[in-house]
Amino acid sequence: MRDRQQRLEEIRRLAAEGLTAAQIAGQMGEAETRSSVLGMCNRHGIALDRSQGQHNRATSTPADGRAA
C-alpha cells in the first residue's frame, strides 16, 4: 500500500494532466474514491479540471437557440 505522501504526489501528477477526480480515483485503484480525491485536493490546494462533464448541465436556452 502506498503511503499518504506517494498518493498525494500521484494525485498532483494526474491533476496536472487534466484528469477529473473520478478519473484520478479510477487510475489509483479501488482504495481511492472520487470523494477521497476531492478531499485531498481541497485540503492541499490542488486544482482539478472541472470543465469535463459541464456540457450536461441544464441551460435556460435550448440547444436549438430558441428562447425558453
C-alpha atoms as a PDB file:
ATOM      1  CA  MET A   1       0.000   0.000   0.000  1.00  0.00           C
ATOM      2  CA  ARG A   2       1.229   3.469  -0.863  1.00  0.00           C
ATOM      3  CA  ASP A   3       1.811   5.941   1.904  1.00  0.00           C
ATOM      4  CA  ARG A   4      -0.034   9.229   2.051  1.00  0.00           C
ATOM      5  CA  GLN A   5       2.774  11.292   0.509  1.00  0.00           C
ATOM      6  CA  GLN A   6       3.019   8.977  -2.504  1.00  0.00           C
ATOM      7  CA  ARG A   7      -0.753   9.126  -3.017  1.00  0.00           C
ATOM      8  CA  LEU A   8      -0.671  12.915  -2.811  1.00  0.00           C
ATOM      9  CA  GLU A   9       2.125  13.166  -5.387  1.00  0.00           C
ATOM     10  CA  GLU A  10       0.244  10.841  -7.742  1.00  0.00           C
ATOM     11  CA  ILE A  11      -2.916  12.935  -7.364  1.00  0.00           C
ATOM     12  CA  ARG A  12      -0.902  16.092  -8.121  1.00  0.00           C
ATOM     13  CA  ARG A  13       0.588  14.489 -11.235  1.00  0.00           C
ATOM     14  CA  LEU A  14      -2.741  13.211 -12.550  1.00  0.00           C
ATOM     15  CA  ALA A  15      -4.492  16.517 -11.812  1.00  0.00           C
ATOM     16  CA  ALA A  16      -1.758  18.341 -13.734  1.00  0.00           C
ATOM     17  CA  GLU A  17      -2.544  16.072 -16.693  1.00  0.00           C
ATOM     18  CA  GLY A  18      -6.115  17.376 -16.611  1.00  0.00           C
ATOM     19  CA  LEU A  19      -7.924  14.356 -15.164  1.00  0.00           C
ATOM     20  CA  THR A  20     -11.120  14.745 -13.152  1.00  0.00           C
ATOM     21  CA  ALA A  21     -11.487  13.439  -9.589  1.00  0.00           C
ATOM     22  CA  ALA A  22     -13.405  10.398 -10.822  1.00  0.00           C
ATOM     23  CA  GLN A  23     -10.729   9.614 -13.420  1.00  0.00           C
ATOM     24  CA  ILE A  24      -7.962  10.014 -10.838  1.00  0.00           C
ATOM     25  CA  ALA A  25      -9.773   7.678  -8.438  1.00  0.00           C
ATOM     26  CA  GLY A  26     -10.140   5.133 -11.236  1.00  0.00           C
ATOM     27  CA  GLN A  27      -6.438   5.349 -12.104  1.00  0.00           C
ATOM     28  CA  MET A  28      -5.388   4.910  -8.474  1.00  0.00           C
ATOM     29  CA  GLY A  29      -7.428   1.773  -7.871  1.00  0.00           C
ATOM     30  CA  GLU A  30     -10.268   0.651  -5.657  1.00  0.00           C
ATOM     31  CA  ALA A  31      -8.719   2.049  -2.467  1.00  0.00           C
ATOM     32  CA  GLU A  32      -9.464   5.604  -3.686  1.00  0.00           C
ATOM     33  CA  THR A  33     -12.879   7.121  -4.249  1.00  0.00           C
ATOM     34  CA  ARG A  34     -13.857  10.303  -6.052  1.00  0.00           C
ATOM     35  CA  SER A  35     -14.778  11.775  -2.679  1.00  0.00           C
ATOM     36  CA  SER A  36     -11.385  10.993  -1.140  1.00  0.00           C
ATOM     37  CA  VAL A  37      -9.608  12.514  -4.140  1.00  0.00           C
ATOM     38  CA  LEU A  38     -11.748  15.663  -3.882  1.00  0.00           C
ATOM     39  CA  GLY A  39     -10.992  15.894  -0.153  1.00  0.00           C
ATOM     40  CA  MET A  40      -7.247  15.602  -0.662  1.00  0.00           C
ATOM     41  CA  CYS A  41      -7.333  18.173  -3.453  1.00  0.00           C
ATOM     42  CA  ASN A  42      -9.324  20.548  -1.277  1.00  0.00           C
ATOM     43  CA  ARG A  43      -7.018  20.154   1.728  1.00  0.00           C
ATOM     44  CA  HIS A  44      -3.828  20.568  -0.307  1.00  0.00           C
ATOM     45  CA  GLY A  45      -4.965  23.226  -2.787  1.00  0.00           C
ATOM     46  CA  ILE A  46      -4.746  21.032  -5.876  1.00  0.00           C
ATOM     47  CA  ALA A  47      -6.790  22.377  -8.791  1.00  0.00           C
ATOM     48  CA  LEU A  48      -8.780  19.857 -10.807  1.00  0.00           C
ATOM     49  CA  ASP A  49     -10.036  20.215 -14.370  1.00  0.00           C
ATOM     50  CA  ARG A  50     -13.747  20.754 -13.855  1.00  0.00           C
ATOM     51  CA  SER A  51     -14.550  21.511 -17.494  1.00  0.00           C
ATOM     52  CA  GLN A  52     -15.328  17.878 -18.307  1.00  0.00           C
ATOM     53  CA  GLY A  53     -18.930  16.971 -17.694  1.00  0.00           C
ATOM     54  CA  GLN A  54     -20.092  20.576 -17.698  1.00  0.00           C
ATOM     55  CA  HIS A  55     -21.800  20.114 -21.058  1.00  0.00           C
ATOM     56  CA  ASN A  56     -24.553  18.012 -19.463  1.00  0.00           C
ATOM     57  CA  ARG A  57     -25.842  20.826 -17.281  1.00  0.00           C
ATOM     58  CA  ALA A  58     -29.275  22.242 -17.967  1.00  0.00           C
ATOM     59  CA  THR A  59     -29.320  25.675 -19.534  1.00  0.00           C
ATOM     60  CA  SER A  60     -32.008  28.312 -19.807  1.00  0.00           C
ATOM     61  CA  THR A  61     -31.679  28.299 -23.608  1.00  0.00           C
ATOM     62  CA  PRO A  62     -32.352  25.077 -25.556  1.00  0.00           C
ATOM     63  CA  ALA A  63     -29.666  23.758 -27.868  1.00  0.00           C
ATOM     64  CA  ASP A  64     -31.591  24.879 -30.958  1.00  0.00           C
ATOM     65  CA  GLY A  65     -31.156  28.508 -29.820  1.00  0.00           C
ATOM     66  CA  ARG A  66     -34.798  29.464 -29.333  1.00  0.00           C
ATOM     67  CA  ALA A  67     -35.752  31.222 -26.125  1.00  0.00           C
ATOM     68  CA  ALA A  68     -37.051  29.072 -23.305  1.00  0.00           C
END
